[in-house]
């Protein structure tokens, strides 16, 4: 289960980046030279992923969980759910700070 969460987080971030890049590139392609359009689309996609997605899964788990033996799966799942909650709160705080 914990590996599915890590994979889904990575897949969601990649899909969000590609969608945002394609969306913005189609909007600015006619207005800017090709190189500038790609650079602006990349910056837009990076900002979109940064403000709408957050990390988790394997990257968010401490190495100490690997020492739990049989309970590793349960501990990793609980930690992933906790990090999901904390990442949501920190993302909302970051967005609030950027708006004000």
PDB file of N, CA and C in Angstrom:
ATOM      1  N   UNK A   1       0.816  -1.193   0.000  1.00  0.00           N
ATOM      2  CA  UNK A   1       0.000   0.000   0.000  1.00  0.00           C
ATOM      3  C   UNK A   1       0.865   1.264   0.000  1.00  0.00           C
ATOM      4  N   UNK A   2       1.949   1.245   0.785  1.00  0.00           N
ATOM      5  CA  UNK A   2       2.772   2.454   0.859  1.00  0.00           C
ATOM      6  C   UNK A   2       3.458   2.733  -0.460  1.00  0.00           C
ATOM      7  N   UNK A   3       3.827   1.696  -1.203  1.00  0.00           N
ATOM      8  CA  UNK A   3       4.455   1.915  -2.506  1.00  0.00           C
ATOM      9  C   UNK A   3       3.452   2.446  -3.523  1.00  0.00           C
ATOM     10  N   UNK A   4       2.193   2.056  -3.406  1.00  0.00           N
ATOM     11  CA  UNK A   4       1.161   2.585  -4.291  1.00  0.00           C
ATOM     12  C   UNK A   4       0.978   4.076  -4.046  1.00  0.00           C
ATOM     13  N   UNK A   5       1.047   4.486  -2.775  1.00  0.00           N
ATOM     14  CA  UNK A   5       0.913   5.912  -2.461  1.00  0.00           C
ATOM     15  C   UNK A   5       2.077   6.706  -3.048  1.00  0.00           C
ATOM     16  N   UNK A   6       3.292   6.178  -2.916  1.00  0.00           N
ATOM     17  CA  UNK A   6       4.468   6.857  -3.473  1.00  0.00           C
ATOM     18  C   UNK A   6       4.348   6.969  -4.992  1.00  0.00           C
ATOM     19  N   UNK A   7       3.937   5.894  -5.636  1.00  0.00           N
ATOM     20  CA  UNK A   7       3.806   5.900  -7.093  1.00  0.00           C
ATOM     21  C   UNK A   7       2.693   6.844  -7.548  1.00  0.00           C
ATOM     22  N   UNK A   8       1.581   6.841  -6.831  1.00  0.00           N
ATOM     23  CA  UNK A   8       0.476   7.715  -7.230  1.00  0.00           C
ATOM     24  C   UNK A   8       0.827   9.181  -7.029  1.00  0.00           C
ATOM     25  N   UNK A   9       1.596   9.498  -5.998  1.00  0.00           N
ATOM     26  CA  UNK A   9       2.026  10.875  -5.780  1.00  0.00           C
ATOM     27  C   UNK A   9       2.932  11.337  -6.918  1.00  0.00           C
ATOM     28  N   UNK A  10       3.870  10.489  -7.323  1.00  0.00           N
ATOM     29  CA  UNK A  10       4.766  10.837  -8.421  1.00  0.00           C
ATOM     30  C   UNK A  10       4.004  10.960  -9.736  1.00  0.00           C
ATOM     31  N   UNK A  11       3.084  10.048  -9.979  1.00  0.00           N
ATOM     32  CA  UNK A  11       2.303  10.084 -11.212  1.00  0.00           C
ATOM     33  C   UNK A  11       1.409  11.319 -11.260  1.00  0.00           C
ATOM     34  N   UNK A  12       0.787  11.662 -10.132  1.00  0.00           N
ATOM     35  CA  UNK A  12      -0.057  12.852 -10.085  1.00  0.00           C
ATOM     36  C   UNK A  12       0.750  14.113 -10.355  1.00  0.00           C
ATOM     37  N   UNK A  13       1.928  14.207  -9.773  1.00  0.00           N
ATOM     38  CA  UNK A  13       2.775  15.383  -9.994  1.00  0.00           C
ATOM     39  C   UNK A  13       3.215  15.476 -11.452  1.00  0.00           C
ATOM     40  N   UNK A  14       3.595  14.353 -12.046  1.00  0.00           N
ATOM     41  CA  UNK A  14       4.012  14.349 -13.454  1.00  0.00           C
ATOM     42  C   UNK A  14       2.852  14.727 -14.371  1.00  0.00           C
ATOM     43  N   UNK A  15       1.676  14.186 -14.101  1.00  0.00           N
ATOM     44  CA  UNK A  15       0.507  14.505 -14.921  1.00  0.00           C
ATOM     45  C   UNK A  15       0.123  15.978 -14.777  1.00  0.00           C
ATOM     46  N   UNK A  16       0.218  16.508 -13.569  1.00  0.00           N
ATOM     47  CA  UNK A  16      -0.088  17.922 -13.357  1.00  0.00           C
ATOM     48  C   UNK A  16       0.903  18.813 -14.097  1.00  0.00           C
ATOM     49  N   UNK A  17       2.193  18.448 -14.078  1.00  0.00           N
ATOM     50  CA  UNK A  17       3.207  19.233 -14.775  1.00  0.00           C
ATOM     51  C   UNK A  17       2.961  19.233 -16.276  1.00  0.00           C
ATOM     52  N   UNK A  18       2.738  18.056 -16.851  1.00  0.00           N
ATOM     53  CA  UNK A  18       2.530  17.957 -18.294  1.00  0.00           C
ATOM     54  C   UNK A  18       1.276  18.713 -18.719  1.00  0.00           C
ATOM     55  N   UNK A  19       0.203  18.586 -17.950  1.00  0.00           N
ATOM     56  CA  UNK A  19      -1.043  19.281 -18.280  1.00  0.00           C
ATOM     57  C   UNK A  19      -0.875  20.792 -18.209  1.00  0.00           C
ATOM     58  N   UNK A  20      -0.219  21.276 -17.145  1.00  0.00           N
ATOM     59  CA  UNK A  20      -0.019  22.715 -17.001  1.00  0.00           C
ATOM     60  C   UNK A  20       0.901  23.257 -18.091  1.00  0.00           C
ATOM     61  N   UNK A  21       1.952  22.509 -18.414  1.00  0.00           N
ATOM     62  CA  UNK A  21       2.887  22.927 -19.460  1.00  0.00           C
ATOM     63  C   UNK A  21       2.166  23.035 -20.804  1.00  0.00           C
ATOM     64  N   UNK A  22       1.430  22.004 -21.166  1.00  0.00           N
ATOM     65  CA  UNK A  22       0.714  21.991 -22.438  1.00  0.00           C
ATOM     66  C   UNK A  22      -0.344  23.094 -22.489  1.00  0.00           C
ATOM     67  N   UNK A  23      -1.072  23.273 -21.393  1.00  0.00           N
ATOM     68  CA  UNK A  23      -2.108  24.307 -21.329  1.00  0.00           C
ATOM     69  C   UNK A  23      -1.507  25.689 -21.570  1.00  0.00           C
ATOM     70  N   UNK A  24      -0.431  26.002 -20.834  1.00  0.00           N
ATOM     71  CA  UNK A  24       0.155  27.339 -20.946  1.00  0.00           C
ATOM     72  C   UNK A  24       0.876  27.527 -22.281  1.00  0.00           C
ATOM     73  N   UNK A  25       1.517  26.491 -22.787  1.00  0.00           N
ATOM     74  CA  UNK A  25       2.203  26.604 -24.072  1.00  0.00           C
ATOM     75  C   UNK A  25       1.213  26.934 -25.183  1.00  0.00           C
ATOM     76  N   UNK A  26       0.061  26.306 -25.166  1.00  0.00           N
ATOM     77  CA  UNK A  26      -0.954  26.594 -26.177  1.00  0.00           C
ATOM     78  C   UNK A  26      -1.492  28.015 -26.046  1.00  0.00           C
ATOM     79  N   UNK A  27      -1.492  28.553 -24.829  1.00  0.00           N
ATOM     80  CA  UNK A  27      -1.971  29.932 -24.617  1.00  0.00           C
ATOM     81  C   UNK A  27      -0.991  30.973 -25.117  1.00  0.00           C
ATOM     82  N   UNK A  28       0.311  30.744 -24.925  1.00  0.00           N
ATOM     83  CA  UNK A  28       1.301  31.783 -25.243  1.00  0.00           C
ATOM     84  C   UNK A  28       2.060  31.533 -26.540  1.00  0.00           C
ATOM     85  N   UNK A  29       1.824  30.428 -27.194  1.00  0.00           N
ATOM     86  CA  UNK A  29       2.600  30.062 -28.392  1.00  0.00           C
ATOM     87  C   UNK A  29       2.490  31.120 -29.488  1.00  0.00           C
ATOM     88  N   UNK A  30       1.336  31.708 -29.653  1.00  0.00           N
ATOM     89  CA  UNK A  30       1.129  32.673 -30.723  1.00  0.00           C
ATOM     90  C   UNK A  30       1.691  34.049 -30.380  1.00  0.00           C
ATOM     91  N   UNK A  31       1.872  34.323 -29.078  1.00  0.00           N
ATOM     92  CA  UNK A  31       2.305  35.652 -28.654  1.00  0.00           C
ATOM     93  C   UNK A  31       3.819  35.786 -28.527  1.00  0.00           C
ATOM     94  N   UNK A  32       4.506  34.696 -28.212  1.00  0.00           N
ATOM     95  CA  UNK A  32       5.937  34.760 -27.929  1.00  0.00           C
ATOM     96  C   UNK A  32       6.741  33.917 -28.911  1.00  0.00           C
ATOM     97  N   UNK A  33       8.034  34.241 -29.066  1.00  0.00           N
ATOM     98  CA  UNK A  33       8.897  33.348 -29.849  1.00  0.00           C
ATOM     99  C   UNK A  33       8.949  31.965 -29.212  1.00  0.00           C
ATOM    100  N   UNK A  34       9.308  30.970 -29.981  1.00  0.00           N
ATOM    101  CA  UNK A  34       9.244  29.580 -29.542  1.00  0.00           C
ATOM    102  C   UNK A  34      10.010  29.334 -28.246  1.00  0.00           C
ATOM    103  N   UNK A  35      11.256  29.814 -28.174  1.00  0.00           N
ATOM    104  CA  UNK A  35      12.070  29.561 -26.983  1.00  0.00           C
ATOM    105  C   UNK A  35      11.468  30.224 -25.742  1.00  0.00           C
ATOM    106  N   UNK A  36      11.004  31.442 -25.891  1.00  0.00           N
ATOM    107  CA  UNK A  36      10.381  32.149 -24.771  1.00  0.00           C
ATOM    108  C   UNK A  36       9.083  31.466 -24.349  1.00  0.00           C
ATOM    109  N   UNK A  37       8.341  30.974 -25.315  1.00  0.00           N
ATOM    110  CA  UNK A  37       7.078  30.301 -25.000  1.00  0.00           C
ATOM    111  C   UNK A  37       7.336  29.033 -24.191  1.00  0.00           C
ATOM    112  N   UNK A  38       8.352  28.258 -24.576  1.00  0.00           N
ATOM    113  CA  UNK A  38       8.674  27.041 -23.831  1.00  0.00           C
ATOM    114  C   UNK A  38       9.162  27.367 -22.425  1.00  0.00           C
ATOM    115  N   UNK A  39       9.978  28.409 -22.307  1.00  0.00           N
ATOM    116  CA  UNK A  39      10.489  28.796 -20.993  1.00  0.00           C
ATOM    117  C   UNK A  39       9.357  29.276 -20.089  1.00  0.00           C
ATOM    118  N   UNK A  40       8.460  30.087 -20.628  1.00  0.00           N
ATOM    119  CA  UNK A  40       7.345  30.576 -19.835  1.00  0.00           C
ATOM    120  C   UNK A  40       6.393  29.432 -19.460  1.00  0.00           C
ATOM    121  N   UNK A  41       6.165  28.503 -20.380  1.00  0.00           N
ATOM    122  CA  UNK A  41       5.312  27.351 -20.081  1.00  0.00           C
ATOM    123  C   UNK A  41       5.938  26.475 -19.000  1.00  0.00           C
ATOM    124  N   UNK A  42       7.256  26.294 -19.059  1.00  0.00           N
ATOM    125  CA  UNK A  42       7.956  25.518 -18.029  1.00  0.00           C
ATOM    126  C   UNK A  42       7.821  26.191 -16.664  1.00  0.00           C
ATOM    127  N   UNK A  43       8.028  27.502 -16.609  1.00  0.00           N
ATOM    128  CA  UNK A  43       7.894  28.227 -15.342  1.00  0.00           C
ATOM    129  C   UNK A  43       6.469  28.143 -14.805  1.00  0.00           C
ATOM    130  N   UNK A  44       5.493  28.264 -15.700  1.00  0.00           N
ATOM    131  CA  UNK A  44       4.098  28.161 -15.278  1.00  0.00           C
ATOM    132  C   UNK A  44       3.794  26.769 -14.728  1.00  0.00           C
ATOM    133  N   UNK A  45       4.266  25.734 -15.415  1.00  0.00           N
ATOM    134  CA  UNK A  45       4.010  24.358 -14.976  1.00  0.00           C
ATOM    135  C   UNK A  45       4.694  24.071 -13.644  1.00  0.00           C
ATOM    136  N   UNK A  46       5.919  24.560 -13.473  1.00  0.00           N
ATOM    137  CA  UNK A  46       6.624  24.366 -12.207  1.00  0.00           C
ATOM    138  C   UNK A  46       5.858  25.022 -11.064  1.00  0.00           C
ATOM    139  N   UNK A  47       5.401  26.242 -11.275  1.00  0.00           N
ATOM    140  CA  UNK A  47       4.640  26.949 -10.240  1.00  0.00           C
ATOM    141  C   UNK A  47       3.305  26.251  -9.972  1.00  0.00           C
ATOM    142  N   UNK A  48       2.667  25.759 -11.012  1.00  0.00           N
ATOM    143  CA  UNK A  48       1.381  25.073 -10.831  1.00  0.00           C
ATOM    144  C   UNK A  48       1.548  23.803 -10.005  1.00  0.00           C
ATOM    145  N   UNK A  49       2.571  23.014 -10.304  1.00  0.00           N
ATOM    146  CA  UNK A  49       2.811  21.786  -9.541  1.00  0.00           C
ATOM    147  C   UNK A  49       3.190  22.129  -8.112  1.00  0.00           C
ATOM    148  N   UNK A  50       4.003  23.130  -7.933  1.00  0.00           N
ATOM    149  CA  UNK A  50       4.446  23.528  -6.594  1.00  0.00           C
ATOM    150  C   UNK A  50       3.273  23.971  -5.717  1.00  0.00           C
ATOM    151  N   UNK A  51       2.295  24.623  -6.318  1.00  0.00           N
ATOM    152  CA  UNK A  51       1.182  25.131  -5.519  1.00  0.00           C
ATOM    153  C   UNK A  51       0.019  24.160  -5.406  1.00  0.00           C
ATOM    154  N   UNK A  52      -0.016  23.127  -6.236  1.00  0.00           N
ATOM    155  CA  UNK A  52      -1.163  22.215  -6.166  1.00  0.00           C
ATOM    156  C   UNK A  52      -0.815  20.802  -5.731  1.00  0.00           C
ATOM    157  N   UNK A  53       0.446  20.421  -5.811  1.00  0.00           N
ATOM    158  CA  UNK A  53       0.845  19.057  -5.458  1.00  0.00           C
ATOM    159  C   UNK A  53       1.856  19.114  -4.322  1.00  0.00           C
ATOM    160  N   UNK A  54       2.060  18.010  -3.663  1.00  0.00           N
ATOM    161  CA  UNK A  54       3.074  17.938  -2.620  1.00  0.00           C
ATOM    162  C   UNK A  54       3.629  16.536  -2.545  1.00  0.00           C
ATOM    163  N   UNK A  55       4.791  16.439  -1.939  1.00  0.00           N
ATOM    164  CA  UNK A  55       5.477  15.161  -1.870  1.00  0.00           C
ATOM    165  C   UNK A  55       4.876  14.223  -0.852  1.00  0.00           C
ATOM    166  N   UNK A  56       5.342  13.032  -0.866  1.00  0.00           N
ATOM    167  CA  UNK A  56       4.852  12.032   0.070  1.00  0.00           C
ATOM    168  C   UNK A  56       5.428  10.681  -0.276  1.00  0.00           C
ATOM    169  N   UNK A  57       4.811   9.654   0.238  1.00  0.00           N
ATOM    170  CA  UNK A  57       5.260   8.314  -0.072  1.00  0.00           C
ATOM    171  C   UNK A  57       6.626   8.008   0.499  1.00  0.00           C
ATOM    172  N   UNK A  58       7.424   7.273  -0.243  1.00  0.00           N
ATOM    173  CA  UNK A  58       8.722   6.807   0.224  1.00  0.00           C
ATOM    174  C   UNK A  58       9.634   7.967   0.626  1.00  0.00           C
ATOM    175  N   UNK A  59       9.604   9.054  -0.109  1.00  0.00           N
ATOM    176  CA  UNK A  59      10.490  10.180   0.192  1.00  0.00           C
ATOM    177  C   UNK A  59      10.144  10.843   1.520  1.00  0.00           C
ATOM    178  N   UNK A  60       8.920  10.706   1.978  1.00  0.00           N
ATOM    179  CA  UNK A  60       8.505  11.364   3.215  1.00  0.00           C
ATOM    180  C   UNK A  60       8.684  10.484   4.449  1.00  0.00           C
ATOM    181  N   UNK A  61       9.064   9.218   4.264  1.00  0.00           N
ATOM    182  CA  UNK A  61       9.208   8.315   5.411  1.00  0.00           C
ATOM    183  C   UNK A  61      10.638   8.315   5.927  1.00  0.00           C
ATOM    184  N   UNK A  62      10.801   8.355   7.247  1.00  0.00           N
ATOM    185  CA  UNK A  62      12.155   8.266   7.793  1.00  0.00           C
ATOM    186  C   UNK A  62      12.699   6.843   7.673  1.00  0.00           C
ATOM    187  N   UNK A  63      14.014   6.705   7.644  1.00  0.00           N
ATOM    188  CA  UNK A  63      14.636   5.388   7.503  1.00  0.00           C
ATOM    189  C   UNK A  63      14.374   4.505   8.716  1.00  0.00           C
ATOM    190  N   UNK A  64      14.096   5.084   9.871  1.00  0.00           N
ATOM    191  CA  UNK A  64      13.856   4.298  11.081  1.00  0.00           C
ATOM    192  C   UNK A  64      12.681   3.356  10.970  1.00  0.00           C
ATOM    193  N   UNK A  65      11.725   3.651  10.122  1.00  0.00           N
ATOM    194  CA  UNK A  65      10.553   2.781   9.955  1.00  0.00           C
ATOM    195  C   UNK A  65      10.967   1.425   9.389  1.00  0.00           C
ATOM    196  N   UNK A  66      12.042   1.383   8.626  1.00  0.00           N
ATOM    197  CA  UNK A  66      12.495   0.126   8.034  1.00  0.00           C
ATOM    198  C   UNK A  66      12.943  -0.877   9.097  1.00  0.00           C
ATOM    199  N   UNK A  67      13.180  -0.438  10.316  1.00  0.00           N
ATOM    200  CA  UNK A  67      13.647  -1.325  11.389  1.00  0.00           C
ATOM    201  C   UNK A  67      12.503  -1.940  12.190  1.00  0.00           C
ATOM    202  N   UNK A  68      11.265  -1.736  11.758  1.00  0.00           N
ATOM    203  CA  UNK A  68      10.118  -2.254  12.503  1.00  0.00           C
ATOM    204  C   UNK A  68       9.789  -3.702  12.175  1.00  0.00           C
ATOM    205  N   UNK A  69      10.530  -4.330  11.292  1.00  0.00           N
ATOM    206  CA  UNK A  69      10.301  -5.736  10.962  1.00  0.00           C
ATOM    207  C   UNK A  69       8.938  -5.963  10.333  1.00  0.00           C
ATOM    208  N   UNK A  70       8.148  -6.869  10.935  1.00  0.00           N
ATOM    209  CA  UNK A  70       6.829  -7.210  10.406  1.00  0.00           C
ATOM    210  C   UNK A  70       5.881  -6.018  10.410  1.00  0.00           C
ATOM    211  N   UNK A  71       6.048  -5.102  11.357  1.00  0.00           N
ATOM    212  CA  UNK A  71       5.145  -3.954  11.472  1.00  0.00           C
ATOM    213  C   UNK A  71       5.514  -2.826  10.516  1.00  0.00           C
ATOM    214  N   UNK A  72       6.497  -3.043   9.665  1.00  0.00           N
ATOM    215  CA  UNK A  72       6.955  -1.990   8.762  1.00  0.00           C
ATOM    216  C   UNK A  72       5.826  -1.485   7.864  1.00  0.00           C
ATOM    217  N   UNK A  73       5.032  -2.393   7.320  1.00  0.00           N
ATOM    218  CA  UNK A  73       3.948  -1.983   6.426  1.00  0.00           C
ATOM    219  C   UNK A  73       2.918  -1.119   7.118  1.00  0.00           C
ATOM    220  N   UNK A  74       2.523  -1.500   8.314  1.00  0.00           N
ATOM    221  CA  UNK A  74       1.527  -0.724   9.066  1.00  0.00           C
ATOM    222  C   UNK A  74       2.107   0.625   9.466  1.00  0.00           C
ATOM    223  N   UNK A  75       3.348   0.631   9.964  1.00  0.00           N
ATOM    224  CA  UNK A  75       3.984   1.888  10.376  1.00  0.00           C
ATOM    225  C   UNK A  75       4.181   2.814   9.186  1.00  0.00           C
ATOM    226  N   UNK A  76       4.564   2.260   8.051  1.00  0.00           N
ATOM    227  CA  UNK A  76       4.773   3.083   6.853  1.00  0.00           C
ATOM    228  C   UNK A  76       3.461   3.670   6.353  1.00  0.00           C
ATOM    229  N   UNK A  77       2.412   2.889   6.379  1.00  0.00           N
ATOM    230  CA  UNK A  77       1.108   3.387   5.957  1.00  0.00           C
ATOM    231  C   UNK A  77       0.632   4.507   6.877  1.00  0.00           C
ATOM    232  N   UNK A  78       0.758   4.302   8.185  1.00  0.00           N
ATOM    233  CA  UNK A  78       0.354   5.339   9.140  1.00  0.00           C
ATOM    234  C   UNK A  78       1.182   6.606   8.930  1.00  0.00           C
ATOM    235  N   UNK A  79       2.470   6.451   8.709  1.00  0.00           N
ATOM    236  CA  UNK A  79       3.323   7.621   8.498  1.00  0.00           C
ATOM    237  C   UNK A  79       2.974   8.326   7.190  1.00  0.00           C
ATOM    238  N   UNK A  80       2.645   7.570   6.145  1.00  0.00           N
ATOM    239  CA  UNK A  80       2.258   8.177   4.870  1.00  0.00           C
ATOM    240  C   UNK A  80       0.981   8.991   5.024  1.00  0.00           C
ATOM    241  N   UNK A  81       0.016   8.453   5.748  1.00  0.00           N
ATOM    242  CA  UNK A  81      -1.229   9.195   5.975  1.00  0.00           C
ATOM    243  C   UNK A  81      -0.981  10.453   6.802  1.00  0.00           C
ATOM    244  N   UNK A  82      -0.099  10.343   7.794  1.00  0.00           N
ATOM    245  CA  UNK A  82       0.235  11.510   8.604  1.00  0.00           C
ATOM    246  C   UNK A  82       0.947  12.560   7.750  1.00  0.00           C
ATOM    247  N   UNK A  83       1.886  12.138   6.923  1.00  0.00           N
ATOM    248  CA  UNK A  83       2.610  13.103   6.093  1.00  0.00           C
ATOM    249  C   UNK A  83       1.675  13.738   5.068  1.00  0.00           C
ATOM    250  N   UNK A  84       0.693  12.988   4.583  1.00  0.00           N
ATOM    251  CA  UNK A  84      -0.300  13.550   3.664  1.00  0.00           C
ATOM    252  C   UNK A  84      -1.033  14.699   4.338  1.00  0.00           C
ATOM    253  N   UNK A  85      -1.453  14.484   5.585  1.00  0.00           N
ATOM    254  CA  UNK A  85      -2.165  15.522   6.333  1.00  0.00           C
ATOM    255  C   UNK A  85      -1.266  16.727   6.573  1.00  0.00           C
ATOM    256  N   UNK A  86      -0.044  16.494   7.031  1.00  0.00           N
ATOM    257  CA  UNK A  86       0.874  17.603   7.298  1.00  0.00           C
ATOM    258  C   UNK A  86       1.253  18.344   6.016  1.00  0.00           C
ATOM    259  N   UNK A  87       1.419  17.613   4.917  1.00  0.00           N
ATOM    260  CA  UNK A  87       1.724  18.271   3.646  1.00  0.00           C
ATOM    261  C   UNK A  87       0.564  19.136   3.184  1.00  0.00           C
ATOM    262  N   UNK A  88      -0.657  18.677   3.402  1.00  0.00           N
ATOM    263  CA  UNK A  88      -1.825  19.484   3.051  1.00  0.00           C
ATOM    264  C   UNK A  88      -1.833  20.780   3.848  1.00  0.00           C
ATOM    265  N   UNK A  89      -1.592  20.679   5.149  1.00  0.00           N
ATOM    266  CA  UNK A  89      -1.598  21.883   5.990  1.00  0.00           C
ATOM    267  C   UNK A  89      -0.465  22.831   5.598  1.00  0.00           C
ATOM    268  N   UNK A  90       0.722  22.304   5.326  1.00  0.00           N
ATOM    269  CA  UNK A  90       1.840  23.185   4.968  1.00  0.00           C
ATOM    270  C   UNK A  90       1.621  23.824   3.602  1.00  0.00           C
ATOM    271  N   UNK A  91       1.005  23.086   2.664  1.00  0.00           N
ATOM    272  CA  UNK A  91       0.714  23.661   1.364  1.00  0.00           C
ATOM    273  C   UNK A  91      -0.289  24.801   1.493  1.00  0.00           C
ATOM    274  N   UNK A  92      -1.314  24.622   2.313  1.00  0.00           N
ATOM    275  CA  UNK A  92      -2.301  25.686   2.514  1.00  0.00           C
ATOM    276  C   UNK A  92      -1.662  26.901   3.184  1.00  0.00           C
ATOM    277  N   UNK A  93      -0.768  26.675   4.135  1.00  0.00           N
ATOM    278  CA  UNK A  93      -0.064  27.791   4.787  1.00  0.00           C
ATOM    279  C   UNK A  93       0.817  28.532   3.783  1.00  0.00           C
ATOM    280  N   UNK A  94       1.522  27.787   2.921  1.00  0.00           N
ATOM    281  CA  UNK A  94       2.368  28.424   1.910  1.00  0.00           C
ATOM    282  C   UNK A  94       1.541  29.245   0.929  1.00  0.00           C
ATOM    283  N   UNK A  95       0.406  28.686   0.506  1.00  0.00           N
ATOM    284  CA  UNK A  95      -0.457  29.438  -0.420  1.00  0.00           C
ATOM    285  C   UNK A  95      -1.004  30.694   0.242  1.00  0.00           C
ATOM    286  N   UNK A  96      -1.389  30.590   1.504  1.00  0.00           N
ATOM    287  CA  UNK A  96      -1.881  31.757   2.229  1.00  0.00           C
ATOM    288  C   UNK A  96      -0.800  32.816   2.385  1.00  0.00           C
ATOM    289  N   UNK A  97       0.414  32.401   2.616  1.00  0.00           N
ATOM    290  CA  UNK A  97       1.529  33.351   2.762  1.00  0.00           C
ATOM    291  C   UNK A  97       1.825  34.034   1.431  1.00  0.00           C
ATOM    292  N   UNK A  98       1.729  33.299   0.328  1.00  0.00           N
ATOM    293  CA  UNK A  98       2.005  33.896  -0.980  1.00  0.00           C
ATOM    294  C   UNK A  98       0.913  34.858  -1.425  1.00  0.00           C
ATOM    295  N   UNK A  99      -0.306  34.619  -1.000  1.00  0.00           N
ATOM    296  CA  UNK A  99      -1.428  35.489  -1.386  1.00  0.00           C
ATOM    297  C   UNK A  99      -1.362  36.811  -0.637  1.00  0.00           C
ATOM    298  N   UNK A 100      -1.008  36.747   0.632  1.00  0.00           N
ATOM    299  CA  UNK A 100      -1.009  37.978   1.430  1.00  0.00           C
ATOM    300  C   UNK A 100       0.252  38.766   1.319  1.00  0.00           C
TER     301      UNK A 100
END
